[in-house]
Amino acid sequence: MVYKVTVSIDSLDPNPDNYYFDTGDEATDFLYDTVSASVQYRVDHSPYTISEEELDNIREEEMTLVRLERM
């Protein structure tokens, strides 16, 4: 079975990136690695201190930009 992970830059991204994987584990690992990298980038480049609540909100926002589908 093939799994597709779609990664968007924002909610209106007309051309999101699609990645295909042979196993669900690979796809899930990639999805969480992508989200973690995006969250870390936002934290590293923020001029302000980020609270735990704000960090949770950033994670939630980033999770809305990825989608996992079984093909």
N, C-alpha and C. Protein backbone atom coordinates (compact mmCIF):
# COMPACT_ATOMS: atom_id res chain seq x y z
N MET A 1 0.83 -1.17 0.00
CA MET A 1 0.00 0.00 0.00
C MET A 1 0.89 1.24 0.00
N VAL A 2 0.47 2.27 -0.69
CA VAL A 2 1.23 3.51 -0.80
C VAL A 2 0.56 4.58 0.07
N TYR A 3 1.41 5.37 0.72
CA TYR A 3 0.92 6.46 1.56
C TYR A 3 1.44 7.78 1.00
N LYS A 4 0.58 8.79 1.03
CA LYS A 4 0.95 10.12 0.52
C LYS A 4 0.88 11.12 1.66
N VAL A 5 1.96 11.90 1.81
CA VAL A 5 1.98 13.00 2.76
C VAL A 5 2.00 14.28 1.95
N THR A 6 1.02 15.15 2.20
CA THR A 6 0.92 16.43 1.53
C THR A 6 1.34 17.51 2.52
N VAL A 7 2.30 18.35 2.11
CA VAL A 7 2.82 19.41 2.97
C VAL A 7 2.55 20.75 2.28
N SER A 8 1.80 21.62 2.95
CA SER A 8 1.47 22.94 2.42
C SER A 8 2.24 24.02 3.17
N ILE A 9 2.50 25.11 2.49
CA ILE A 9 3.17 26.24 3.11
C ILE A 9 2.19 27.01 3.99
N ASP A 10 0.96 27.16 3.48
CA ASP A 10 -0.11 27.78 4.26
C ASP A 10 -1.43 27.18 3.82
N SER A 11 -2.51 27.61 4.41
CA SER A 11 -3.80 26.98 4.14
C SER A 11 -4.30 27.21 2.72
N LEU A 12 -3.77 28.21 2.02
CA LEU A 12 -4.19 28.50 0.65
C LEU A 12 -3.14 28.13 -0.38
N ASP A 13 -2.21 27.29 -0.03
CA ASP A 13 -1.13 26.88 -0.93
C ASP A 13 -1.71 26.18 -2.16
N PRO A 14 -1.54 26.76 -3.35
CA PRO A 14 -2.12 26.15 -4.55
C PRO A 14 -1.30 24.97 -5.08
N ASN A 15 -0.07 24.83 -4.60
CA ASN A 15 0.81 23.78 -5.12
C ASN A 15 1.57 23.12 -3.97
N PRO A 16 0.88 22.35 -3.12
CA PRO A 16 1.57 21.72 -2.00
C PRO A 16 2.52 20.62 -2.48
N ASP A 17 3.51 20.31 -1.66
CA ASP A 17 4.45 19.24 -1.97
C ASP A 17 3.84 17.90 -1.55
N ASN A 18 3.99 16.90 -2.40
CA ASN A 18 3.49 15.56 -2.12
C ASN A 18 4.67 14.60 -2.04
N TYR A 19 4.64 13.75 -1.03
CA TYR A 19 5.68 12.74 -0.82
C TYR A 19 5.00 11.38 -0.68
N TYR A 20 5.58 10.37 -1.30
CA TYR A 20 4.98 9.03 -1.30
C TYR A 20 5.88 8.04 -0.56
N PHE A 21 5.25 7.15 0.20
CA PHE A 21 5.97 6.18 1.02
C PHE A 21 5.32 4.81 0.90
N ASP A 22 6.14 3.79 1.09
CA ASP A 22 5.66 2.41 0.99
C ASP A 22 4.97 1.93 2.26
N THR A 23 5.35 2.50 3.40
CA THR A 23 4.74 2.07 4.66
C THR A 23 4.17 3.26 5.42
N GLY A 24 3.19 2.96 6.26
CA GLY A 24 2.57 3.98 7.09
C GLY A 24 3.55 4.54 8.11
N ASP A 25 4.45 3.69 8.60
CA ASP A 25 5.45 4.15 9.57
C ASP A 25 6.38 5.19 8.97
N GLU A 26 6.83 4.94 7.74
CA GLU A 26 7.70 5.91 7.06
C GLU A 26 6.97 7.23 6.86
N ALA A 27 5.73 7.15 6.41
CA ALA A 27 4.94 8.35 6.16
C ALA A 27 4.69 9.14 7.44
N THR A 28 4.35 8.43 8.51
CA THR A 28 4.09 9.08 9.79
C THR A 28 5.36 9.72 10.34
N ASP A 29 6.48 9.01 10.26
CA ASP A 29 7.75 9.57 10.72
C ASP A 29 8.09 10.84 9.95
N PHE A 30 7.91 10.80 8.63
CA PHE A 30 8.20 11.97 7.81
C PHE A 30 7.29 13.13 8.19
N LEU A 31 6.01 12.86 8.39
CA LEU A 31 5.05 13.89 8.76
C LEU A 31 5.47 14.57 10.05
N TYR A 32 5.76 13.79 11.08
CA TYR A 32 6.13 14.37 12.37
C TYR A 32 7.49 15.06 12.32
N ASP A 33 8.43 14.54 11.53
CA ASP A 33 9.72 15.21 11.37
C ASP A 33 9.55 16.57 10.69
N THR A 34 8.67 16.61 9.68
CA THR A 34 8.41 17.85 8.97
C THR A 34 7.78 18.89 9.89
N VAL A 35 6.80 18.47 10.66
CA VAL A 35 6.14 19.38 11.60
C VAL A 35 7.13 19.86 12.66
N SER A 36 7.92 18.96 13.19
CA SER A 36 8.91 19.33 14.21
C SER A 36 9.91 20.34 13.67
N ALA A 37 10.37 20.14 12.44
CA ALA A 37 11.32 21.07 11.84
C ALA A 37 10.69 22.44 11.63
N SER A 38 9.44 22.47 11.21
CA SER A 38 8.76 23.76 11.01
C SER A 38 8.55 24.49 12.33
N VAL A 39 8.16 23.75 13.35
CA VAL A 39 7.97 24.36 14.67
C VAL A 39 9.30 24.89 15.19
N GLN A 40 10.36 24.10 15.06
CA GLN A 40 11.67 24.53 15.55
C GLN A 40 12.15 25.77 14.81
N TYR A 41 11.91 25.83 13.52
CA TYR A 41 12.30 27.00 12.74
C TYR A 41 11.60 28.25 13.26
N ARG A 42 10.29 28.14 13.51
CA ARG A 42 9.54 29.29 14.02
C ARG A 42 10.02 29.71 15.40
N VAL A 43 10.35 28.75 16.23
CA VAL A 43 10.86 29.06 17.58
C VAL A 43 12.23 29.73 17.48
N ASP A 44 13.12 29.16 16.67
CA ASP A 44 14.47 29.70 16.53
C ASP A 44 14.50 31.12 15.97
N HIS A 45 13.55 31.44 15.11
CA HIS A 45 13.55 32.74 14.46
C HIS A 45 12.58 33.74 15.07
N SER A 46 12.01 33.41 16.18
CA SER A 46 11.12 34.34 16.87
C SER A 46 11.95 35.33 17.69
N PRO A 47 11.64 36.61 17.58
CA PRO A 47 12.37 37.59 18.38
C PRO A 47 11.90 37.63 19.84
N TYR A 48 10.86 36.87 20.14
CA TYR A 48 10.27 36.87 21.48
C TYR A 48 10.40 35.50 22.13
N THR A 49 10.30 35.50 23.44
CA THR A 49 10.25 34.24 24.17
C THR A 49 8.88 33.60 23.93
N ILE A 50 8.87 32.31 23.69
CA ILE A 50 7.62 31.61 23.40
C ILE A 50 7.23 30.77 24.61
N SER A 51 6.00 30.97 25.05
CA SER A 51 5.49 30.21 26.20
C SER A 51 5.05 28.82 25.73
N GLU A 52 4.79 27.94 26.69
CA GLU A 52 4.33 26.59 26.36
C GLU A 52 3.00 26.62 25.62
N GLU A 53 2.13 27.53 26.01
CA GLU A 53 0.82 27.66 25.35
C GLU A 53 1.00 28.10 23.89
N GLU A 54 1.89 29.06 23.67
CA GLU A 54 2.17 29.51 22.31
C GLU A 54 2.81 28.39 21.49
N LEU A 55 3.67 27.63 22.11
CA LEU A 55 4.31 26.50 21.43
C LEU A 55 3.27 25.46 21.02
N ASP A 56 2.33 25.19 21.89
CA ASP A 56 1.24 24.27 21.55
C ASP A 56 0.42 24.80 20.38
N ASN A 57 0.18 26.10 20.36
CA ASN A 57 -0.58 26.71 19.26
C ASN A 57 0.19 26.62 17.95
N ILE A 58 1.49 26.82 18.00
CA ILE A 58 2.32 26.70 16.80
C ILE A 58 2.28 25.27 16.28
N ARG A 59 2.41 24.29 17.17
CA ARG A 59 2.34 22.88 16.75
C ARG A 59 1.00 22.58 16.08
N GLU A 60 -0.07 23.08 16.69
CA GLU A 60 -1.41 22.86 16.15
C GLU A 60 -1.53 23.48 14.75
N GLU A 61 -1.03 24.69 14.59
CA GLU A 61 -1.07 25.35 13.28
C GLU A 61 -0.29 24.54 12.24
N GLU A 62 0.88 24.08 12.60
CA GLU A 62 1.71 23.33 11.66
C GLU A 62 1.06 21.99 11.30
N MET A 63 0.38 21.37 12.24
CA MET A 63 -0.29 20.09 11.96
C MET A 63 -1.44 20.26 10.97
N THR A 64 -2.05 21.45 10.91
CA THR A 64 -3.12 21.67 9.96
C THR A 64 -2.60 21.78 8.53
N LEU A 65 -1.29 21.94 8.37
CA LEU A 65 -0.70 22.12 7.04
C LEU A 65 -0.19 20.83 6.41
N VAL A 66 -0.32 19.72 7.13
CA VAL A 66 0.11 18.43 6.59
C VAL A 66 -1.08 17.46 6.59
N ARG A 67 -1.03 16.55 5.64
CA ARG A 67 -2.11 15.56 5.53
C ARG A 67 -1.51 14.21 5.11
N LEU A 68 -1.99 13.17 5.74
CA LEU A 68 -1.55 11.81 5.45
C LEU A 68 -2.72 11.06 4.84
N GLU A 69 -2.49 10.44 3.68
CA GLU A 69 -3.54 9.68 3.00
C GLU A 69 -3.01 8.29 2.62
N ARG A 70 -3.89 7.32 2.71
CA ARG A 70 -3.56 5.99 2.22
C ARG A 70 -4.12 5.88 0.81
N MET A 71 -3.27 5.56 -0.14
CA MET A 71 -3.67 5.51 -1.56
C MET A 71 -4.20 4.14 -1.92
